[in-house]
C-alpha atoms as a PDB file:
ATOM      1  CA  MET A   1     -71.165 -98.445 -85.953  1.00  0.00           C
ATOM      2  CA  ASN A   2     -68.612 -99.512 -83.355  1.00  0.00           C
ATOM      3  CA  ARG A   3     -68.234 -98.670 -79.462  1.00  0.00           C
ATOM      4  CA  THR A   4     -66.198 -95.464 -80.441  1.00  0.00           C
ATOM      5  CA  GLY A   5     -69.041 -93.826 -82.173  1.00  0.00           C
ATOM      6  CA  LEU A   6     -71.259 -95.009 -79.499  1.00  0.00           C
ATOM      7  CA  ALA A   7     -68.944 -93.417 -76.782  1.00  0.00           C
ATOM      8  CA  VAL A   8     -68.732 -90.428 -79.037  1.00  0.00           C
ATOM      9  CA  ALA A   9     -72.629 -89.995 -79.129  1.00  0.00           C
ATOM     10  CA  LEU A  10     -72.956 -90.406 -75.733  1.00  0.00           C
ATOM     11  CA  ALA A  11     -70.354 -87.950 -74.773  1.00  0.00           C
ATOM     12  CA  ILE A  12     -72.034 -85.461 -76.909  1.00  0.00           C
ATOM     13  CA  ALA A  13     -75.454 -85.913 -75.323  1.00  0.00           C
ATOM     14  CA  VAL A  14     -74.161 -85.718 -71.834  1.00  0.00           C
ATOM     15  CA  VAL A  15     -72.116 -82.439 -72.614  1.00  0.00           C
ATOM     16  CA  VAL A  16     -74.674 -80.746 -74.794  1.00  0.00           C
ATOM     17  CA  GLY A  17     -77.593 -82.001 -72.460  1.00  0.00           C
ATOM     18  CA  GLY A  18     -75.885 -80.852 -69.445  1.00  0.00           C
ATOM     19  CA  VAL A  19     -74.808 -77.392 -70.693  1.00  0.00           C
ATOM     20  CA  PHE A  20     -78.003 -76.614 -72.162  1.00  0.00           C
ATOM     21  CA  ALA A  21     -79.813 -77.692 -68.996  1.00  0.00           C
ATOM     22  CA  LEU A  22     -77.793 -75.402 -66.936  1.00  0.00           C
ATOM     23  CA  TYR A  23     -77.996 -72.743 -69.419  1.00  0.00           C
ATOM     24  CA  PRO A  24     -81.078 -72.951 -71.456  1.00  0.00           C
ATOM     25  CA  GLN A  25     -80.755 -69.392 -72.480  1.00  0.00           C
ATOM     26  CA  TRP A  26     -78.203 -70.584 -74.754  1.00  0.00           C
ATOM     27  CA  ASP A  27     -81.003 -72.212 -76.857  1.00  0.00           C
ATOM     28  CA  LEU A  28     -82.770 -68.811 -77.190  1.00  0.00           C
ATOM     29  CA  ASN A  29     -79.307 -66.952 -77.945  1.00  0.00           C
ATOM     30  CA  ILE A  30     -78.557 -69.240 -80.897  1.00  0.00           C
ATOM     31  CA  ALA A  31     -82.114 -69.110 -82.280  1.00  0.00           C
ATOM     32  CA  ALA A  32     -81.914 -65.217 -81.922  1.00  0.00           C
ATOM     33  CA  LEU A  33     -79.271 -65.166 -84.409  1.00  0.00           C
ATOM     34  CA  PHE A  34     -81.810 -66.029 -87.265  1.00  0.00           C
ATOM     35  CA  TYR A  35     -84.414 -63.789 -85.826  1.00  0.00           C
ATOM     36  CA  ASP A  36     -84.867 -60.276 -87.568  1.00  0.00           C
ATOM     37  CA  PRO A  37     -86.486 -58.077 -85.018  1.00  0.00           C
ATOM     38  CA  ALA A  38     -87.317 -55.337 -87.367  1.00  0.00           C
ATOM     39  CA  THR A  39     -89.624 -57.579 -89.387  1.00  0.00           C
ATOM     40  CA  HIS A  40     -90.477 -59.935 -86.270  1.00  0.00           C
ATOM     41  CA  ARG A  41     -89.799 -62.830 -88.657  1.00  0.00           C
ATOM     42  CA  PHE A  42     -86.878 -65.353 -88.928  1.00  0.00           C
ATOM     43  CA  ARG A  43     -84.853 -64.710 -91.942  1.00  0.00           C
ATOM     44  CA  ALA A  44     -85.339 -67.749 -93.836  1.00  0.00           C
ATOM     45  CA  TRP A  45     -89.082 -68.181 -92.964  1.00  0.00           C
ATOM     46  CA  GLY A  46     -91.192 -68.628 -96.169  1.00  0.00           C
ATOM     47  CA  THR A  47     -88.308 -68.148 -98.801  1.00  0.00           C
ATOM     48  CA  ILE A  48     -88.266 -70.046-101.924  1.00  0.00           C
ATOM     49  CA  TRP A  49     -84.680 -71.354-101.492  1.00  0.00           C
ATOM     50  CA  MET A  50     -85.686 -72.900 -98.084  1.00  0.00           C
ATOM     51  CA  ASP A  51     -88.392 -74.804 -99.687  1.00  0.00           C
ATOM     52  CA  HIS A  52     -86.537 -76.172-102.436  1.00  0.00           C
ATOM     53  CA  ALA A  53     -83.719 -77.170 -99.872  1.00  0.00           C
ATOM     54  CA  ARG A  54     -86.344 -79.010 -97.880  1.00  0.00           C
ATOM     55  CA  ASP A  55     -87.556 -80.725-101.055  1.00  0.00           C
ATOM     56  CA  ALA A  56     -84.258 -81.912-102.180  1.00  0.00           C
ATOM     57  CA  GLY A  57     -83.543 -83.225 -98.751  1.00  0.00           C
ATOM     58  CA  SER A  58     -86.685 -85.308 -98.780  1.00  0.00           C
ATOM     59  CA  LEU A  59     -85.872 -86.261-101.974  1.00  0.00           C
ATOM     60  CA  LEU A  60     -82.364 -87.838-101.181  1.00  0.00           C
ATOM     61  CA  ILE A  61     -83.666 -89.323 -98.281  1.00  0.00           C
ATOM     62  CA  THR A  62     -86.618 -91.040-100.772  1.00  0.00           C
ATOM     63  CA  LEU A  63     -83.806 -92.255-103.040  1.00  0.00           C
ATOM     64  CA  LEU A  64     -81.603 -93.756-100.367  1.00  0.00           C
ATOM     65  CA  ALA A  65     -84.642 -95.653 -99.371  1.00  0.00           C
ATOM     66  CA  ALA A  66     -86.180 -96.592-102.556  1.00  0.00           C
ATOM     67  CA  PRO A  67     -83.880 -99.583-103.300  1.00  0.00           C
ATOM     68  CA  ALA A  68     -84.989-101.392 -99.953  1.00  0.00           C
ATOM     69  CA  PHE A  69     -88.695-101.183-100.955  1.00  0.00           C
ATOM     70  CA  LEU A  70     -87.935-102.069-104.662  1.00  0.00           C
ATOM     71  CA  ALA A  71     -85.941-105.187-103.459  1.00  0.00           C
ATOM     72  CA  ILE A  72     -88.900-106.408-101.568  1.00  0.00           C
ATOM     73  CA  LEU A  73     -91.103-105.840-104.605  1.00  0.00           C
ATOM     74  CA  GLY A  74     -88.869-107.404-107.091  1.00  0.00           C
ATOM     75  CA  LYS A  75     -88.424-110.475-104.873  1.00  0.00           C
ATOM     76  CA  LEU A  76     -92.490-110.924-104.695  1.00  0.00           C
ATOM     77  CA  VAL A  77     -92.683-110.505-108.379  1.00  0.00           C
ATOM     78  CA  MET A  78     -89.472-112.614-109.114  1.00  0.00           C
ATOM     79  CA  PRO A  79     -89.311-114.732-106.190  1.00  0.00           C
ATOM     80  CA  ARG A  80     -86.461-117.293-107.518  1.00  0.00           C
ATOM     81  CA  ARG A  81     -84.082-114.171-108.264  1.00  0.00           C
ATOM     82  CA  ARG A  82     -81.627-112.605-105.698  1.00  0.00           C
ATOM     83  CA  MET A  83     -82.812-109.445-104.262  1.00  0.00           C
ATOM     84  CA  LEU A  84     -81.773-106.081-105.580  1.00  0.00           C
ATOM     85  CA  ILE A  85     -79.849-105.491-102.248  1.00  0.00           C
ATOM     86  CA  PRO A  86     -79.126-108.071 -99.617  1.00  0.00           C
ATOM     87  CA  GLY A  87     -82.076-109.066 -97.135  1.00  0.00           C
ATOM     88  CA  ARG A  88     -80.165-107.682 -94.224  1.00  0.00           C
ATOM     89  CA  ALA A  89     -79.758-104.276 -95.629  1.00  0.00           C
ATOM     90  CA  VAL A  90     -83.352-104.171 -96.616  1.00  0.00           C
ATOM     91  CA  VAL A  91     -84.523-105.077 -93.053  1.00  0.00           C
ATOM     92  CA  PHE A  92     -82.029-102.580 -91.629  1.00  0.00           C
ATOM     93  CA  LEU A  93     -82.936 -99.742 -93.718  1.00  0.00           C
ATOM     94  CA  ILE A  94     -86.625-100.184 -93.552  1.00  0.00           C
ATOM     95  CA  ILE A  95     -86.955-100.731 -89.680  1.00  0.00           C
ATOM     96  CA  THR A  96     -84.528 -97.953 -88.943  1.00  0.00           C
ATOM     97  CA  LEU A  97     -86.401 -95.581 -91.230  1.00  0.00           C
ATOM     98  CA  ALA A  98     -89.758 -96.611 -89.820  1.00  0.00           C
ATOM     99  CA  LEU A  99     -88.680 -96.549 -86.040  1.00  0.00           C
ATOM    100  CA  GLY A 100     -86.384 -93.588 -86.150  1.00  0.00           C
ATOM    101  CA  PRO A 101     -87.644 -90.434 -88.079  1.00  0.00           C
ATOM    102  CA  GLY A 102     -91.127 -91.925 -88.457  1.00  0.00           C
ATOM    103  CA  LEU A 103     -92.251 -93.335 -84.732  1.00  0.00           C
ATOM    104  CA  LEU A 104     -89.610 -92.139 -82.643  1.00  0.00           C
ATOM    105  CA  ALA A 105     -89.440 -88.857 -83.710  1.00  0.00           C
ATOM    106  CA  ASN A 106     -92.650 -87.649 -85.595  1.00  0.00           C
ATOM    107  CA  LYS A 107     -95.307 -90.003 -83.435  1.00  0.00           C
ATOM    108  CA  ILE A 108     -93.678 -90.291 -79.813  1.00  0.00           C
ATOM    109  CA  LEU A 109     -91.575 -87.205 -79.278  1.00  0.00           C
ATOM    110  CA  LYS A 110     -92.990 -84.631 -81.289  1.00  0.00           C
ATOM    111  CA  ASP A 111     -96.696 -85.236 -80.415  1.00  0.00           C
ATOM    112  CA  HIS A 112     -95.726 -85.749 -76.689  1.00  0.00           C
ATOM    113  CA  TRP A 113     -92.731 -83.493 -75.862  1.00  0.00           C
ATOM    114  CA  ALA A 114     -94.568 -80.293 -75.722  1.00  0.00           C
ATOM    115  CA  ARG A 115     -91.983 -77.707 -76.450  1.00  0.00           C
ATOM    116  CA  MET A 116     -93.012 -74.711 -78.441  1.00  0.00           C
ATOM    117  CA  ARG A 117     -90.893 -73.765 -81.523  1.00  0.00           C
ATOM    118  CA  PRO A 118     -88.454 -70.793 -81.703  1.00  0.00           C
ATOM    119  CA  GLU A 119     -91.150 -68.859 -83.912  1.00  0.00           C
ATOM    120  CA  ASP A 120     -93.765 -69.324 -81.096  1.00  0.00           C
ATOM    121  CA  ILE A 121     -91.780 -67.958 -78.125  1.00  0.00           C
ATOM    122  CA  MET A 122     -92.462 -64.627 -76.682  1.00  0.00           C
ATOM    123  CA  GLN A 123     -88.647 -63.529 -76.847  1.00  0.00           C
ATOM    124  CA  LEU A 124     -88.683 -64.260 -80.469  1.00  0.00           C
ATOM    125  CA  GLY A 125     -91.889 -62.553 -81.766  1.00  0.00           C
ATOM    126  CA  GLY A 126     -94.528 -65.360 -80.626  1.00  0.00           C
ATOM    127  CA  THR A 127     -96.846 -65.477 -77.608  1.00  0.00           C
ATOM    128  CA  ARG A 128     -95.664 -68.827 -75.768  1.00  0.00           C
ATOM    129  CA  ALA A 129     -93.493 -69.495 -73.156  1.00  0.00           C
ATOM    130  CA  PHE A 130     -89.937 -71.219 -73.530  1.00  0.00           C
ATOM    131  CA  THR A 131     -89.190 -74.457 -72.052  1.00  0.00           C
ATOM    132  CA  PRO A 132     -85.865 -76.057 -72.124  1.00  0.00           C
ATOM    133  CA  TRP A 133     -84.880 -79.077 -73.708  1.00  0.00           C
ATOM    134  CA  TRP A 134     -85.484 -81.622 -71.049  1.00  0.00           C
ATOM    135  CA  ASP A 135     -88.811 -80.186 -70.118  1.00  0.00           C
ATOM    136  CA  PRO A 136     -91.832 -81.922 -71.840  1.00  0.00           C
ATOM    137  CA  ARG A 137     -94.541 -80.042 -70.017  1.00  0.00           C
ATOM    138  CA  GLY A 138     -94.948 -76.937 -72.629  1.00  0.00           C
ATOM    139  CA  PRO A 139     -98.168 -75.931 -74.030  1.00  0.00           C
ATOM    140  CA  CYS A 140     -97.853 -77.420 -77.531  1.00  0.00           C
ATOM    141  CA  GLN A 141    -100.311 -79.775 -78.354  1.00  0.00           C
ATOM    142  CA  GLU A 142     -98.904 -81.824 -81.210  1.00  0.00           C
ATOM    143  CA  ASN A 143     -95.953 -81.492 -83.946  1.00  0.00           C
ATOM    144  CA  CYS A 144     -93.888 -79.821 -81.280  1.00  0.00           C
ATOM    145  CA  SER A 145     -90.366 -78.675 -81.495  1.00  0.00           C
ATOM    146  CA  PHE A 146     -88.428 -81.610 -79.695  1.00  0.00           C
ATOM    147  CA  ILE A 147     -86.848 -83.368 -81.669  1.00  0.00           C
ATOM    148  CA  ALA A 148     -86.457 -82.156 -85.010  1.00  0.00           C
ATOM    149  CA  GLY A 149     -88.276 -84.249 -87.479  1.00  0.00           C
ATOM    150  CA  GLU A 150     -86.839 -83.353 -91.028  1.00  0.00           C
ATOM    151  CA  PRO A 151     -83.156 -83.246 -89.539  1.00  0.00           C
ATOM    152  CA  SER A 152     -84.065 -86.967 -87.928  1.00  0.00           C
ATOM    153  CA  GLY A 153     -84.840 -88.067 -91.529  1.00  0.00           C
ATOM    154  CA  ALA A 154     -81.506 -86.357 -92.734  1.00  0.00           C
ATOM    155  CA  PHE A 155     -79.400 -88.268 -89.734  1.00  0.00           C
ATOM    156  CA  TRP A 156     -81.138 -91.470 -90.961  1.00  0.00           C
ATOM    157  CA  THR A 157     -78.910 -91.631 -93.769  1.00  0.00           C
ATOM    158  CA  LEU A 158     -76.218 -92.795 -91.198  1.00  0.00           C
ATOM    159  CA  ALA A 159     -78.035 -96.209 -91.741  1.00  0.00           C
ATOM    160  CA  PRO A 160     -77.208 -96.540 -95.338  1.00  0.00           C
ATOM    161  CA  ALA A 161     -73.781 -95.234 -94.928  1.00  0.00           C
ATOM    162  CA  ALA A 162     -73.175 -97.659 -92.475  1.00  0.00           C
ATOM    163  CA  LEU A 163     -73.545-100.454 -95.407  1.00  0.00           C
ATOM    164  CA  VAL A 164     -71.138 -98.961 -97.776  1.00  0.00           C
ATOM    165  CA  PRO A 165     -67.766-100.604 -98.279  1.00  0.00           C
ATOM    166  CA  PRO A 166     -65.578-100.067 -95.394  1.00  0.00           C
ATOM    167  CA  GLN A 167     -62.944 -97.802 -97.416  1.00  0.00           C
ATOM    168  CA  TRP A 168     -65.719 -95.465 -98.180  1.00  0.00           C
ATOM    169  CA  ARG A 169     -67.430 -95.470 -94.735  1.00  0.00           C
ATOM    170  CA  PRO A 170     -65.837 -92.642 -92.904  1.00  0.00           C
ATOM    171  CA  LEU A 171     -66.862 -90.590 -96.002  1.00  0.00           C
ATOM    172  CA  ALA A 172     -70.240 -91.701 -96.011  1.00  0.00           C
ATOM    173  CA  TYR A 173     -70.740 -91.020 -92.323  1.00  0.00           C
ATOM    174  CA  GLY A 174     -69.337 -87.522 -92.622  1.00  0.00           C
ATOM    175  CA  GLY A 175     -71.769 -86.808 -95.549  1.00  0.00           C
ATOM    176  CA  ALA A 176     -74.403 -88.235 -93.460  1.00  0.00           C
ATOM    177  CA  LEU A 177     -73.684 -85.974 -90.721  1.00  0.00           C
ATOM    178  CA  LEU A 178     -73.163 -82.897 -92.735  1.00  0.00           C
ATOM    179  CA  PHE A 179     -76.704 -83.645 -94.202  1.00  0.00           C
ATOM    180  CA  GLY A 180     -78.311 -83.740 -90.793  1.00  0.00           C
ATOM    181  CA  ALA A 181     -76.315 -80.552 -89.728  1.00  0.00           C
ATOM    182  CA  GLY A 182     -77.268 -78.684 -92.818  1.00  0.00           C
ATOM    183  CA  MET A 183     -81.034 -79.754 -92.604  1.00  0.00           C
ATOM    184  CA  GLY A 184     -80.717 -78.658 -88.871  1.00  0.00           C
ATOM    185  CA  ALA A 185     -79.625 -75.224 -89.608  1.00  0.00           C
ATOM    186  CA  LEU A 186     -82.121 -74.824 -92.211  1.00  0.00           C
ATOM    187  CA  ARG A 187     -84.721 -75.698 -89.911  1.00  0.00           C
ATOM    188  CA  MET A 188     -83.318 -73.198 -87.253  1.00  0.00           C
ATOM    189  CA  ALA A 189     -82.993 -70.596 -89.775  1.00  0.00           C
ATOM    190  CA  GLY A 190     -86.747 -70.866 -90.420  1.00  0.00           C
ATOM    191  CA  GLY A 191     -87.574 -70.529 -86.773  1.00  0.00           C
ATOM    192  CA  ALA A 192     -88.781 -74.443 -86.652  1.00  0.00           C
ATOM    193  CA  HIS A 193     -86.377 -75.776 -84.236  1.00  0.00           C
ATOM    194  CA  PHE A 194     -83.761 -74.862 -81.329  1.00  0.00           C
ATOM    195  CA  PHE A 195     -80.318 -76.071 -81.533  1.00  0.00           C
ATOM    196  CA  THR A 196     -80.924 -78.743 -78.969  1.00  0.00           C
ATOM    197  CA  ASP A 197     -83.723 -80.008 -80.914  1.00  0.00           C
ATOM    198  CA  VAL A 198     -81.351 -80.816 -83.932  1.00  0.00           C
ATOM    199  CA  VAL A 199     -78.512 -82.184 -81.561  1.00  0.00           C
ATOM    200  CA  PHE A 200     -80.725 -84.563 -79.882  1.00  0.00           C
ATOM    201  CA  ALA A 201     -82.324 -85.676 -83.276  1.00  0.00           C
ATOM    202  CA  GLY A 202     -78.995 -86.755 -84.525  1.00  0.00           C
ATOM    203  CA  ILE A 203     -77.970 -88.670 -81.366  1.00  0.00           C
ATOM    204  CA  PHE A 204     -81.317 -90.593 -80.991  1.00  0.00           C
ATOM    205  CA  MET A 205     -81.238 -91.418 -84.823  1.00  0.00           C
ATOM    206  CA  PHE A 206     -77.246 -92.741 -84.342  1.00  0.00           C
ATOM    207  CA  LEU A 207     -78.333 -94.893 -81.177  1.00  0.00           C
ATOM    208  CA  LEU A 208     -81.340 -96.317 -82.782  1.00  0.00           C
ATOM    209  CA  ILE A 209     -79.296 -97.132 -85.869  1.00  0.00           C
ATOM    210  CA  TRP A 210     -76.429 -98.375 -83.649  1.00  0.00           C
ATOM    211  CA  ILE A 211     -78.659-100.831 -82.007  1.00  0.00           C
ATOM    212  CA  PHE A 212     -80.358-102.336 -84.865  1.00  0.00           C
ATOM    213  CA  HIS A 213     -77.022-102.527 -86.695  1.00  0.00           C
ATOM    214  CA  GLY A 214     -75.800-104.640 -83.873  1.00  0.00           C
ATOM    215  CA  LEU A 215     -79.017-106.724 -83.592  1.00  0.00           C
ATOM    216  CA  ILE A 216     -79.030-107.504 -87.501  1.00  0.00           C
ATOM    217  CA  TYR A 217     -74.916-107.636 -88.155  1.00  0.00           C
ATOM    218  CA  ARG A 218     -72.815-107.878 -85.055  1.00  0.00           C
ATOM    219  CA  TRP A 219     -74.330-109.639 -82.113  1.00  0.00           C
ATOM    220  CA  ARG A 220     -74.162-113.430 -82.404  1.00  0.00           C
ATOM    221  CA  LEU A 221     -77.345-113.995 -80.561  1.00  0.00           C
ATOM    222  CA  THR A 222     -79.586-111.816 -82.704  1.00  0.00           C
ATOM    223  CA  ARG A 223     -77.864-111.302 -86.053  1.00  0.00           C
ATOM    224  CA  LEU A 224     -79.570-112.570 -89.205  1.00  0.00           C
ATOM    225  CA  SER A 225     -78.362-113.818 -92.537  1.00  0.00           C
ATOM    226  CA  ASP A 226     -79.615-112.713 -96.053  1.00  0.00           C
ATOM    227  CA  GLU A 227     -81.188-115.995 -96.448  1.00  0.00           C
ATOM    228  CA  THR A 228     -83.164-115.721 -93.532  1.00  0.00           C
ATOM    229  CA  ILE A 229     -84.779-112.784 -94.893  1.00  0.00           C
ATOM    230  CA  GLU A 230     -85.169-114.021 -98.453  1.00  0.00           C
ATOM    231  CA  ARG A 231     -86.788-117.271 -97.791  1.00  0.00           C
ATOM    232  CA  PRO A 232     -90.167-116.098 -96.561  1.00  0.00           C
ATOM    233  CA  LEU A 233     -89.998-113.482 -99.171  1.00  0.00           C
ATOM    234  CA  GLN A 234     -89.624-116.232-101.837  1.00  0.00           C
ATOM    235  CA  ARG A 235     -92.378-118.480-100.501  1.00  0.00           C
ATOM    236  CA  SER A 236     -94.704-115.509-100.536  1.00  0.00           C
ATOM    237  CA  GLY A 237     -93.895-114.657-104.122  1.00  0.00           C
ATOM    238  CA  GLU A 238     -94.224-118.159-105.173  1.00  0.00           C
ATOM    239  CA  MET A 239     -97.770-118.295-103.270  1.00  0.00           C
ATOM    240  CA  LEU A 240     -98.867-114.980-105.151  1.00  0.00           C
ATOM    241  CA  ALA A 241     -97.710-116.377-108.529  1.00  0.00           C
ATOM    242  CA  ALA A 242     -99.779-119.653-107.993  1.00  0.00           C
ATOM    243  CA  LEU A 243    -102.677-117.424-106.921  1.00  0.00           C
ATOM    244  CA  LEU A 244    -102.319-115.279-109.802  1.00  0.00           C
ATOM    245  CA  ARG A 245    -102.239-118.309-112.157  1.00  0.00           C
ATOM    246  CA  ARG A 246    -105.259-119.937-110.555  1.00  0.00           C
ATOM    247  CA  LEU A 247    -107.177-116.808-111.157  1.00  0.00           C
ATOM    248  CA  THR A 248    -106.050-116.155-114.815  1.00  0.00           C
ATOM    249  CA  GLY A 249    -106.189-119.770-115.693  1.00  0.00           C
ATOM    250  CA  ARG A 250    -102.682-119.669-117.151  1.00  0.00           C
ATOM    251  CA  LYS A 251    -100.049-122.224-116.443  1.00  0.00           C
ATOM    252  CA  SER A 252     -97.284-119.913-115.985  1.00  0.00           C
ATOM    253  CA  LEU A 253     -96.838-115.930-115.679  1.00  0.00           C
END
């Protein structure tokens, strides 16, 4: 999560955004690679293997996020013990997951950037008009195409990748990017998203993660310590334990 990564992400955003704004037909051309005009369906639509792959992707994201939630639970139950993972990591993982795939992708953009999905477009067997990535004025009412939701969750794995030991970090970043790209290709093959939906899902998730990594870890004015996170959780756990002792009439739990 350094300035080089930021520069690369912004460069990709400018190049892809500019090219696909000038030539929006390219989005249709890429989507058409996955479309079968003989059956009027996308090649991966409704296939069992696609459903299994999506489930596996969701499970992986859940497993990577679970330690942060378990760490909070463990601290509340055993307030005097150290957290399962450092406090800053807990805050970093939960806040980026909630604000990235949760709020930005699935609530703000997908419900207000009214771009129809490829499967709905007239040129690809649907009945609705195509709009380029930059135009939010499409006919979609909710759960729209821009940006790609499940790939946003997959690209979120850049957050846990940023926390691995430095010697393994490039490999972790590469794995996260491949996971996001693979999930994006899967959704494109099913007619759910355009190429630009997936690219900007990756860009937005990286930018959000880069900002919060700076706020929590790098920038002097805002960075936190693990103790700053653990202390209020410890006090909350001790208060909860005291309340339970009063309710049960026991001296200790």
